[in-house]
Amino acid sequence: MKPLKRPARRSLLVAHVAVSVSWLGLTVGLLALGLTAFLTRDPATEQAVTLAMKVFGDWLIVPVALLSLLSGLALALGTPWGLARHRWVWTKFWLTLITTALSVFSLRPGINEAAARGAVDINLVVAPSVATATYLFITAISVLKPWGPTRRGRRLRVSASSGKSVDERSLRRTA
């Protein structure tokens, strides 16, 4: 992918941060609703909460998860950070891919099942808890940028510092 120009990169970064923070907020909201439904003794409250969770599941989970994944992927491919040059970017990518898949194929169906029953089991407390912890970890590594480069990143860095003209996206020499 061709490197993004500064205005496009900055706009995409703002969009990615906004969507990612929304995903974290959505998950915290689902956790609060799941805890409320799980701990309440009032059937009417439990049913109302499961219906609220269904609105989140039907309208927000899939688009927010996919937008976070796609905007992060575009940033990784369109900036010098790259997708597989730094361990923290690579880790973020895989955790986001896994949590997106779990949100789409596990959390959303679990919410739909709970709404149909009108009752929440412990899974709808555990899943948002784990997701919230994961998103907080992803946020932390985005800010702290721990660990070093990947093997590929080290090779690219050595090639670039040796004075050879190397395309940054591959190890092929350029003219």
N, C-alpha and C. Protein backbone atom coordinates (compact mmCIF):
# COMPACT_ATOMS: atom_id res chain seq x y z
N MET A 1 0.85 -1.17 0.00
CA MET A 1 0.00 0.00 0.00
C MET A 1 0.89 1.23 0.00
N LYS A 2 0.50 2.22 -0.76
CA LYS A 2 1.25 3.46 -0.85
C LYS A 2 1.12 4.22 0.48
N PRO A 3 2.23 4.81 0.96
CA PRO A 3 2.15 5.57 2.22
C PRO A 3 1.11 6.69 2.13
N LEU A 4 0.37 6.85 3.22
CA LEU A 4 -0.65 7.89 3.27
C LEU A 4 -0.01 9.26 3.42
N LYS A 5 -0.59 10.24 2.78
CA LYS A 5 -0.14 11.62 2.96
C LYS A 5 -0.60 12.08 4.34
N ARG A 6 0.07 13.07 4.88
CA ARG A 6 -0.17 13.49 6.25
C ARG A 6 -1.64 13.80 6.56
N PRO A 7 -2.36 14.58 5.75
CA PRO A 7 -3.77 14.84 6.10
C PRO A 7 -4.62 13.57 6.14
N ALA A 8 -4.39 12.67 5.20
CA ALA A 8 -5.16 11.42 5.18
C ALA A 8 -4.80 10.56 6.39
N ARG A 9 -3.51 10.48 6.69
CA ARG A 9 -3.06 9.68 7.84
C ARG A 9 -3.65 10.22 9.13
N ARG A 10 -3.63 11.52 9.30
CA ARG A 10 -4.15 12.11 10.54
C ARG A 10 -5.65 11.91 10.65
N SER A 11 -6.36 12.07 9.53
CA SER A 11 -7.82 11.86 9.54
C SER A 11 -8.15 10.41 9.88
N LEU A 12 -7.41 9.49 9.28
CA LEU A 12 -7.63 8.07 9.55
C LEU A 12 -7.28 7.73 11.00
N LEU A 13 -6.24 8.35 11.53
CA LEU A 13 -5.87 8.12 12.92
C LEU A 13 -6.97 8.59 13.87
N VAL A 14 -7.52 9.77 13.61
CA VAL A 14 -8.62 10.28 14.44
C VAL A 14 -9.82 9.34 14.36
N ALA A 15 -10.16 8.90 13.15
CA ALA A 15 -11.29 7.98 12.98
C ALA A 15 -11.02 6.66 13.72
N HIS A 16 -9.80 6.15 13.61
CA HIS A 16 -9.46 4.88 14.27
C HIS A 16 -9.55 5.01 15.79
N VAL A 17 -9.01 6.07 16.33
CA VAL A 17 -9.07 6.27 17.79
C VAL A 17 -10.52 6.42 18.24
N ALA A 18 -11.31 7.19 17.50
CA ALA A 18 -12.72 7.39 17.87
C ALA A 18 -13.49 6.06 17.85
N VAL A 19 -13.30 5.28 16.81
CA VAL A 19 -14.01 4.00 16.71
C VAL A 19 -13.52 3.03 17.78
N SER A 20 -12.22 3.01 18.02
CA SER A 20 -11.68 2.09 19.02
C SER A 20 -12.14 2.45 20.43
N VAL A 21 -12.19 3.73 20.73
CA VAL A 21 -12.69 4.16 22.04
C VAL A 21 -14.18 3.85 22.14
N SER A 22 -14.89 3.98 21.04
CA SER A 22 -16.32 3.62 21.03
C SER A 22 -16.50 2.14 21.32
N TRP A 23 -15.61 1.31 20.76
CA TRP A 23 -15.70 -0.14 21.00
C TRP A 23 -15.45 -0.45 22.47
N LEU A 24 -14.48 0.23 23.07
CA LEU A 24 -14.23 0.06 24.50
C LEU A 24 -15.44 0.51 25.31
N GLY A 25 -15.99 1.66 24.98
CA GLY A 25 -17.17 2.16 25.70
C GLY A 25 -18.38 1.24 25.53
N LEU A 26 -18.58 0.74 24.34
CA LEU A 26 -19.67 -0.19 24.07
C LEU A 26 -19.52 -1.44 24.93
N THR A 27 -18.31 -1.93 25.05
CA THR A 27 -18.06 -3.14 25.83
C THR A 27 -18.26 -2.89 27.32
N VAL A 28 -17.83 -1.73 27.80
CA VAL A 28 -18.08 -1.38 29.21
C VAL A 28 -19.58 -1.27 29.46
N GLY A 29 -20.30 -0.68 28.50
CA GLY A 29 -21.76 -0.59 28.62
C GLY A 29 -22.40 -1.97 28.66
N LEU A 30 -21.93 -2.87 27.80
CA LEU A 30 -22.45 -4.24 27.81
C LEU A 30 -22.13 -4.95 29.13
N LEU A 31 -20.96 -4.67 29.67
CA LEU A 31 -20.59 -5.25 30.96
C LEU A 31 -21.53 -4.75 32.06
N ALA A 32 -21.80 -3.45 32.07
CA ALA A 32 -22.72 -2.90 33.08
C ALA A 32 -24.12 -3.49 32.93
N LEU A 33 -24.58 -3.61 31.70
CA LEU A 33 -25.90 -4.19 31.48
C LEU A 33 -25.93 -5.67 31.86
N GLY A 34 -24.87 -6.40 31.48
CA GLY A 34 -24.80 -7.82 31.83
C GLY A 34 -24.79 -8.05 33.34
N LEU A 35 -24.01 -7.23 34.04
CA LEU A 35 -23.98 -7.34 35.51
C LEU A 35 -25.35 -7.02 36.11
N THR A 36 -25.98 -5.98 35.60
CA THR A 36 -27.31 -5.60 36.10
C THR A 36 -28.30 -6.74 35.91
N ALA A 37 -28.33 -7.31 34.71
CA ALA A 37 -29.27 -8.40 34.43
C ALA A 37 -28.95 -9.64 35.25
N PHE A 38 -27.66 -9.92 35.41
CA PHE A 38 -27.26 -11.12 36.13
C PHE A 38 -27.55 -11.02 37.62
N LEU A 39 -27.39 -9.81 38.18
CA LEU A 39 -27.53 -9.64 39.63
C LEU A 39 -28.93 -9.25 40.10
N THR A 40 -29.77 -8.80 39.20
CA THR A 40 -31.09 -8.34 39.63
C THR A 40 -32.00 -9.51 39.98
N ARG A 41 -32.92 -9.24 40.84
CA ARG A 41 -33.92 -10.25 41.20
C ARG A 41 -35.26 -9.91 40.55
N ASP A 42 -35.30 -8.80 39.83
CA ASP A 42 -36.54 -8.34 39.20
C ASP A 42 -36.59 -8.81 37.75
N PRO A 43 -37.55 -9.67 37.41
CA PRO A 43 -37.65 -10.18 36.04
C PRO A 43 -37.89 -9.07 35.00
N ALA A 44 -38.62 -8.05 35.36
CA ALA A 44 -38.88 -6.95 34.41
C ALA A 44 -37.59 -6.20 34.09
N THR A 45 -36.78 -5.97 35.10
CA THR A 45 -35.49 -5.31 34.88
C THR A 45 -34.59 -6.19 34.02
N GLU A 46 -34.55 -7.46 34.32
CA GLU A 46 -33.71 -8.38 33.55
C GLU A 46 -34.12 -8.39 32.08
N GLN A 47 -35.43 -8.42 31.83
CA GLN A 47 -35.90 -8.43 30.45
C GLN A 47 -35.58 -7.11 29.75
N ALA A 48 -35.77 -5.99 30.43
CA ALA A 48 -35.46 -4.68 29.84
C ALA A 48 -33.97 -4.57 29.51
N VAL A 49 -33.13 -5.06 30.41
CA VAL A 49 -31.69 -5.00 30.19
C VAL A 49 -31.28 -5.88 29.01
N THR A 50 -31.85 -7.08 28.91
CA THR A 50 -31.49 -7.94 27.77
C THR A 50 -31.94 -7.31 26.45
N LEU A 51 -33.05 -6.61 26.45
CA LEU A 51 -33.48 -5.93 25.22
C LEU A 51 -32.54 -4.77 24.88
N ALA A 52 -32.06 -4.08 25.89
CA ALA A 52 -31.08 -3.01 25.65
C ALA A 52 -29.78 -3.60 25.09
N MET A 53 -29.36 -4.72 25.65
CA MET A 53 -28.16 -5.39 25.14
C MET A 53 -28.36 -5.82 23.68
N LYS A 54 -29.58 -6.23 23.33
CA LYS A 54 -29.87 -6.64 21.96
C LYS A 54 -29.74 -5.47 21.00
N VAL A 55 -30.15 -4.27 21.43
CA VAL A 55 -29.97 -3.09 20.58
C VAL A 55 -28.49 -2.86 20.32
N PHE A 56 -27.68 -2.95 21.36
CA PHE A 56 -26.22 -2.81 21.18
C PHE A 56 -25.70 -3.88 20.22
N GLY A 57 -26.16 -5.13 20.43
CA GLY A 57 -25.69 -6.23 19.61
C GLY A 57 -26.14 -6.13 18.16
N ASP A 58 -27.38 -5.71 17.95
CA ASP A 58 -27.91 -5.64 16.58
C ASP A 58 -27.35 -4.48 15.78
N TRP A 59 -27.10 -3.35 16.44
CA TRP A 59 -26.76 -2.14 15.70
C TRP A 59 -25.33 -1.66 15.84
N LEU A 60 -24.64 -2.05 16.89
CA LEU A 60 -23.33 -1.44 17.15
C LEU A 60 -22.14 -2.38 17.13
N ILE A 61 -22.27 -3.57 17.65
CA ILE A 61 -21.10 -4.43 17.83
C ILE A 61 -20.36 -4.71 16.52
N VAL A 62 -21.07 -5.18 15.52
CA VAL A 62 -20.42 -5.58 14.27
C VAL A 62 -19.80 -4.37 13.54
N PRO A 63 -20.55 -3.28 13.32
CA PRO A 63 -19.93 -2.16 12.60
C PRO A 63 -18.74 -1.54 13.34
N VAL A 64 -18.85 -1.40 14.65
CA VAL A 64 -17.76 -0.79 15.42
C VAL A 64 -16.53 -1.69 15.42
N ALA A 65 -16.73 -2.98 15.60
CA ALA A 65 -15.60 -3.92 15.59
C ALA A 65 -14.91 -3.92 14.22
N LEU A 66 -15.70 -4.00 13.15
CA LEU A 66 -15.11 -4.03 11.81
C LEU A 66 -14.43 -2.71 11.45
N LEU A 67 -15.02 -1.59 11.83
CA LEU A 67 -14.38 -0.30 11.55
C LEU A 67 -13.07 -0.16 12.31
N SER A 68 -13.03 -0.65 13.53
CA SER A 68 -11.78 -0.59 14.29
C SER A 68 -10.71 -1.44 13.61
N LEU A 69 -11.08 -2.65 13.22
CA LEU A 69 -10.13 -3.55 12.56
C LEU A 69 -9.64 -2.95 11.23
N LEU A 70 -10.56 -2.49 10.40
CA LEU A 70 -10.18 -1.98 9.08
C LEU A 70 -9.40 -0.68 9.15
N SER A 71 -9.79 0.23 10.04
CA SER A 71 -9.03 1.48 10.15
C SER A 71 -7.63 1.23 10.71
N GLY A 72 -7.50 0.31 11.64
CA GLY A 72 -6.18 -0.04 12.17
C GLY A 72 -5.31 -0.69 11.11
N LEU A 73 -5.90 -1.55 10.32
CA LEU A 73 -5.16 -2.21 9.24
C LEU A 73 -4.70 -1.18 8.21
N ALA A 74 -5.57 -0.26 7.84
CA ALA A 74 -5.19 0.78 6.88
C ALA A 74 -4.07 1.66 7.43
N LEU A 75 -4.13 1.98 8.72
CA LEU A 75 -3.06 2.77 9.34
C LEU A 75 -1.74 2.00 9.34
N ALA A 76 -1.81 0.73 9.68
CA ALA A 76 -0.58 -0.07 9.72
C ALA A 76 0.06 -0.16 8.33
N LEU A 77 -0.77 -0.37 7.33
CA LEU A 77 -0.24 -0.54 5.98
C LEU A 77 0.14 0.78 5.30
N GLY A 78 -0.45 1.87 5.76
CA GLY A 78 -0.21 3.16 5.11
C GLY A 78 0.73 4.08 5.85
N THR A 79 1.40 3.57 6.88
CA THR A 79 2.34 4.39 7.66
C THR A 79 3.66 3.63 7.82
N PRO A 80 4.70 4.32 8.23
CA PRO A 80 5.99 3.64 8.44
C PRO A 80 5.96 2.56 9.53
N TRP A 81 4.94 2.55 10.39
CA TRP A 81 4.89 1.53 11.43
C TRP A 81 4.77 0.15 10.81
N GLY A 82 4.05 0.04 9.71
CA GLY A 82 3.87 -1.24 9.05
C GLY A 82 3.05 -2.20 9.89
N LEU A 83 2.69 -3.32 9.29
CA LEU A 83 1.88 -4.31 10.01
C LEU A 83 2.75 -5.31 10.77
N ALA A 84 3.87 -5.69 10.18
CA ALA A 84 4.70 -6.75 10.78
C ALA A 84 6.11 -6.26 11.08
N ARG A 85 6.29 -4.99 11.32
CA ARG A 85 7.62 -4.46 11.63
C ARG A 85 7.87 -4.33 13.13
N HIS A 86 6.81 -4.10 13.88
CA HIS A 86 6.93 -3.90 15.33
C HIS A 86 6.01 -4.88 16.04
N ARG A 87 6.51 -5.47 17.12
CA ARG A 87 5.73 -6.47 17.84
C ARG A 87 4.43 -5.89 18.38
N TRP A 88 4.44 -4.66 18.84
CA TRP A 88 3.22 -4.08 19.42
C TRP A 88 2.14 -3.92 18.35
N VAL A 89 2.49 -3.56 17.13
CA VAL A 89 1.50 -3.42 16.06
C VAL A 89 0.96 -4.80 15.68
N TRP A 90 1.86 -5.76 15.56
CA TRP A 90 1.49 -7.13 15.21
C TRP A 90 0.56 -7.70 16.28
N THR A 91 0.88 -7.46 17.55
CA THR A 91 0.04 -7.93 18.67
C THR A 91 -1.34 -7.28 18.63
N LYS A 92 -1.36 -5.97 18.40
CA LYS A 92 -2.64 -5.26 18.29
C LYS A 92 -3.49 -5.83 17.17
N PHE A 93 -2.86 -6.07 16.04
CA PHE A 93 -3.61 -6.59 14.89
C PHE A 93 -4.27 -7.92 15.24
N TRP A 94 -3.49 -8.87 15.78
CA TRP A 94 -4.04 -10.19 16.06
C TRP A 94 -5.10 -10.15 17.17
N LEU A 95 -4.87 -9.35 18.21
CA LEU A 95 -5.88 -9.24 19.27
C LEU A 95 -7.17 -8.61 18.73
N THR A 96 -7.03 -7.62 17.87
CA THR A 96 -8.22 -6.98 17.29
C THR A 96 -8.95 -7.95 16.37
N LEU A 97 -8.21 -8.71 15.59
CA LEU A 97 -8.83 -9.70 14.70
C LEU A 97 -9.58 -10.75 15.51
N ILE A 98 -8.96 -11.24 16.56
CA ILE A 98 -9.59 -12.26 17.40
C ILE A 98 -10.83 -11.71 18.10
N THR A 99 -10.72 -10.52 18.69
CA THR A 99 -11.88 -9.96 19.41
C THR A 99 -13.00 -9.57 18.45
N THR A 100 -12.65 -9.17 17.23
CA THR A 100 -13.69 -8.89 16.24
C THR A 100 -14.45 -10.17 15.91
N ALA A 101 -13.70 -11.25 15.67
CA ALA A 101 -14.34 -12.53 15.37
C ALA A 101 -15.20 -13.00 16.53
N LEU A 102 -14.70 -12.88 17.75
CA LEU A 102 -15.49 -13.29 18.92
C LEU A 102 -16.73 -12.42 19.10
N SER A 103 -16.61 -11.13 18.83
CA SER A 103 -17.76 -10.23 18.93
C SER A 103 -18.85 -10.61 17.93
N VAL A 104 -18.43 -10.91 16.71
CA VAL A 104 -19.39 -11.22 15.65
C VAL A 104 -19.98 -12.62 15.82
N PHE A 105 -19.14 -13.61 16.11
CA PHE A 105 -19.59 -15.00 16.09
C PHE A 105 -19.94 -15.59 17.45
N SER A 106 -19.66 -14.89 18.53
CA SER A 106 -19.96 -15.43 19.85
C SER A 106 -20.79 -14.45 20.70
N LEU A 107 -20.28 -13.23 20.86
CA LEU A 107 -20.97 -12.28 21.74
C LEU A 107 -22.35 -11.91 21.20
N ARG A 108 -22.40 -11.54 19.94
CA ARG A 108 -23.68 -11.12 19.36
C ARG A 108 -24.71 -12.26 19.41
N PRO A 109 -24.38 -13.48 19.00
CA PRO A 109 -25.37 -14.57 19.14
C PRO A 109 -25.76 -14.83 20.60
N GLY A 110 -24.81 -14.69 21.53
CA GLY A 110 -25.12 -14.86 22.95
C GLY A 110 -26.11 -13.82 23.44
N ILE A 111 -25.94 -12.58 22.98
CA ILE A 111 -26.88 -11.52 23.36
C ILE A 111 -28.25 -11.82 22.78
N ASN A 112 -28.31 -12.25 21.53
CA ASN A 112 -29.61 -12.56 20.91
C ASN A 112 -30.32 -13.70 21.63
N GLU A 113 -29.55 -14.69 22.05
CA GLU A 113 -30.12 -15.82 22.79
C GLU A 113 -30.65 -15.35 24.15
N ALA A 114 -29.89 -14.50 24.83
CA ALA A 114 -30.33 -13.98 26.14
C ALA A 114 -31.59 -13.13 25.99
N ALA A 115 -31.66 -12.33 24.93
CA ALA A 115 -32.84 -11.48 24.71
C ALA A 115 -34.06 -12.34 24.42
N ALA A 116 -33.88 -13.44 23.70
CA ALA A 116 -35.00 -14.33 23.41
C ALA A 116 -35.50 -15.01 24.69
N ARG A 117 -34.56 -15.37 25.58
CA ARG A 117 -34.92 -15.98 26.86
C ARG A 117 -35.40 -14.96 27.87
N GLY A 118 -34.93 -13.72 27.72
CA GLY A 118 -35.23 -12.69 28.71
C GLY A 118 -34.39 -12.83 29.96
N ALA A 119 -33.27 -13.57 29.85
CA ALA A 119 -32.42 -13.82 31.01
C ALA A 119 -30.96 -13.90 30.56
N VAL A 120 -30.07 -13.46 31.45
CA VAL A 120 -28.64 -13.44 31.18
C VAL A 120 -27.94 -14.48 32.04
N ASP A 121 -27.00 -15.21 31.45
CA ASP A 121 -26.18 -16.11 32.26
C ASP A 121 -24.80 -15.47 32.45
N ILE A 122 -23.94 -16.15 33.15
CA ILE A 122 -22.63 -15.59 33.51
C ILE A 122 -21.77 -15.29 32.28
N ASN A 123 -22.03 -15.96 31.16
CA ASN A 123 -21.24 -15.73 29.94
C ASN A 123 -21.33 -14.28 29.46
N LEU A 124 -22.48 -13.64 29.68
CA LEU A 124 -22.63 -12.25 29.25
C LEU A 124 -22.11 -11.26 30.29
N VAL A 125 -21.48 -11.77 31.31
CA VAL A 125 -20.69 -10.95 32.23
C VAL A 125 -19.20 -11.19 31.95
N VAL A 126 -18.86 -12.45 31.73
CA VAL A 126 -17.46 -12.81 31.49
C VAL A 126 -16.96 -12.25 30.15
N ALA A 127 -17.74 -12.43 29.09
CA ALA A 127 -17.30 -11.99 27.76
C ALA A 127 -16.99 -10.49 27.70
N PRO A 128 -17.89 -9.61 28.17
CA PRO A 128 -17.52 -8.19 28.15
C PRO A 128 -16.39 -7.85 29.12
N SER A 129 -16.24 -8.62 30.19
CA SER A 129 -15.11 -8.39 31.11
C SER A 129 -13.78 -8.67 30.42
N VAL A 130 -13.70 -9.80 29.74
CA VAL A 130 -12.48 -10.18 29.03
C VAL A 130 -12.23 -9.19 27.88
N ALA A 131 -13.28 -8.84 27.16
CA ALA A 131 -13.14 -7.89 26.05
C ALA A 131 -12.65 -6.53 26.56
N THR A 132 -13.19 -6.05 27.65
CA THR A 132 -12.77 -4.77 28.21
C THR A 132 -11.30 -4.82 28.61
N ALA A 133 -10.89 -5.90 29.26
CA ALA A 133 -9.48 -6.04 29.64
C ALA A 133 -8.60 -6.08 28.39
N THR A 134 -9.04 -6.76 27.36
CA THR A 134 -8.26 -6.84 26.12
C THR A 134 -8.14 -5.47 25.47
N TYR A 135 -9.22 -4.72 25.40
CA TYR A 135 -9.18 -3.40 24.76
C TYR A 135 -8.33 -2.42 25.57
N LEU A 136 -8.35 -2.56 26.88
CA LEU A 136 -7.48 -1.72 27.71
C LEU A 136 -6.01 -2.08 27.47
N PHE A 137 -5.72 -3.36 27.31
CA PHE A 137 -4.36 -3.79 26.99
C PHE A 137 -3.94 -3.25 25.62
N ILE A 138 -4.81 -3.36 24.64
CA ILE A 138 -4.52 -2.83 23.30
C ILE A 138 -4.26 -1.33 23.37
N THR A 139 -5.05 -0.63 24.16
CA THR A 139 -4.86 0.82 24.32
C THR A 139 -3.51 1.10 24.96
N ALA A 140 -3.16 0.34 25.98
CA ALA A 140 -1.87 0.55 26.65
C ALA A 140 -0.70 0.33 25.71
N ILE A 141 -0.73 -0.73 24.90
CA ILE A 141 0.41 -0.94 24.02
C ILE A 141 0.42 0.06 22.87
N SER A 142 -0.74 0.63 22.54
CA SER A 142 -0.77 1.69 21.52
C SER A 142 -0.06 2.94 22.02
N VAL A 143 -0.21 3.22 23.29
CA VAL A 143 0.39 4.41 23.88
C VAL A 143 1.86 4.16 24.21
N LEU A 144 2.17 3.02 24.83
CA LEU A 144 3.52 2.75 25.31
C LEU A 144 4.46 2.21 24.24
N LYS A 145 3.92 1.57 23.22
CA LYS A 145 4.71 0.98 22.13
C LYS A 145 5.88 0.14 22.67
N PRO A 146 5.56 -0.88 23.48
CA PRO A 146 6.62 -1.70 24.07
C PRO A 146 7.22 -2.67 23.06
N TRP A 147 8.23 -3.39 23.51
CA TRP A 147 8.89 -4.42 22.75
C TRP A 147 9.64 -3.81 21.57
N GLY A 148 10.36 -4.61 20.92
CA GLY A 148 11.16 -4.13 19.81
C GLY A 148 10.54 -4.49 18.48
N PRO A 149 11.35 -4.33 17.45
CA PRO A 149 10.86 -4.68 16.12
C PRO A 149 10.79 -6.20 15.96
N THR A 150 10.02 -6.63 14.99
CA THR A 150 9.97 -8.04 14.64
C THR A 150 11.24 -8.40 13.87
N ARG A 151 11.42 -9.68 13.56
CA ARG A 151 12.58 -10.08 12.76
C ARG A 151 12.58 -9.34 11.42
N ARG A 152 11.42 -9.26 10.81
CA ARG A 152 11.30 -8.54 9.54
C ARG A 152 11.66 -7.07 9.72
N GLY A 153 11.19 -6.46 10.80
CA GLY A 153 11.50 -5.07 11.08
C GLY A 153 12.99 -4.84 11.29
N ARG A 154 13.65 -5.78 11.98
CA ARG A 154 15.11 -5.67 12.17
C ARG A 154 15.85 -5.78 10.84
N ARG A 155 15.43 -6.72 10.00
CA ARG A 155 16.06 -6.87 8.68
C ARG A 155 15.91 -5.60 7.86
N LEU A 156 14.73 -5.02 7.86
CA LEU A 156 14.50 -3.79 7.10
C LEU A 156 15.34 -2.64 7.65
N ARG A 157 15.45 -2.57 8.98
CA ARG A 157 16.24 -1.51 9.60
C ARG A 157 17.72 -1.65 9.25
N VAL A 158 18.24 -2.88 9.31
CA VAL A 158 19.65 -3.14 8.96
C VAL A 158 19.89 -2.81 7.50
N SER A 159 19.00 -3.24 6.63
CA SER A 159 19.15 -2.95 5.20
C SER A 159 19.14 -1.45 4.93
N ALA A 160 18.26 -0.73 5.60
CA ALA A 160 18.16 0.71 5.39
C ALA A 160 19.40 1.42 5.93
N SER A 161 19.94 0.95 7.05
CA SER A 161 21.09 1.63 7.65
C SER A 161 22.40 1.29 6.94
N SER A 162 22.41 0.23 6.15
CA SER A 162 23.66 -0.13 5.47
C SER A 162 23.88 0.68 4.20
N GLY A 163 22.95 1.58 3.91
CA GLY A 163 23.13 2.46 2.76
C GLY A 163 22.59 1.92 1.47
N LYS A 164 22.10 0.69 1.47
CA LYS A 164 21.52 0.12 0.27
C LYS A 164 20.15 0.75 0.05
N SER A 165 19.80 0.90 -1.19
CA SER A 165 18.47 1.41 -1.51
C SER A 165 17.51 0.23 -1.48
N VAL A 166 16.68 0.18 -0.44
CA VAL A 166 15.77 -0.93 -0.25
C VAL A 166 14.36 -0.39 -0.15
N ASP A 167 13.48 -0.99 -0.91
CA ASP A 167 12.07 -0.65 -0.81
C ASP A 167 11.61 -1.00 0.60
N GLU A 168 10.94 -0.06 1.29
CA GLU A 168 10.55 -0.29 2.68
C GLU A 168 9.50 -1.36 2.83
N ARG A 169 8.75 -1.66 1.79
CA ARG A 169 7.69 -2.65 1.89
C ARG A 169 8.20 -4.06 1.61
N SER A 170 9.39 -4.19 1.06
CA SER A 170 9.94 -5.51 0.78
C SER A 170 11.45 -5.44 0.87
N LEU A 171 12.09 -6.52 0.58
CA LEU A 171 13.55 -6.54 0.61
C LEU A 171 14.15 -6.43 -0.78
N ARG A 172 13.34 -6.10 -1.79
CA ARG A 172 13.85 -5.94 -3.14
C ARG A 172 14.60 -4.62 -3.28
N ARG A 173 15.71 -4.65 -4.00
CA ARG A 173 16.44 -3.41 -4.26
C ARG A 173 15.68 -2.59 -5.26
N THR A 174 15.74 -1.27 -5.08
CA THR A 174 15.07 -0.38 -6.03
C THR A 174 16.11 0.36 -6.85
N ALA A 175 15.67 0.93 -7.94
CA ALA A 175 16.60 1.62 -8.84
C ALA A 175 17.02 2.96 -8.26
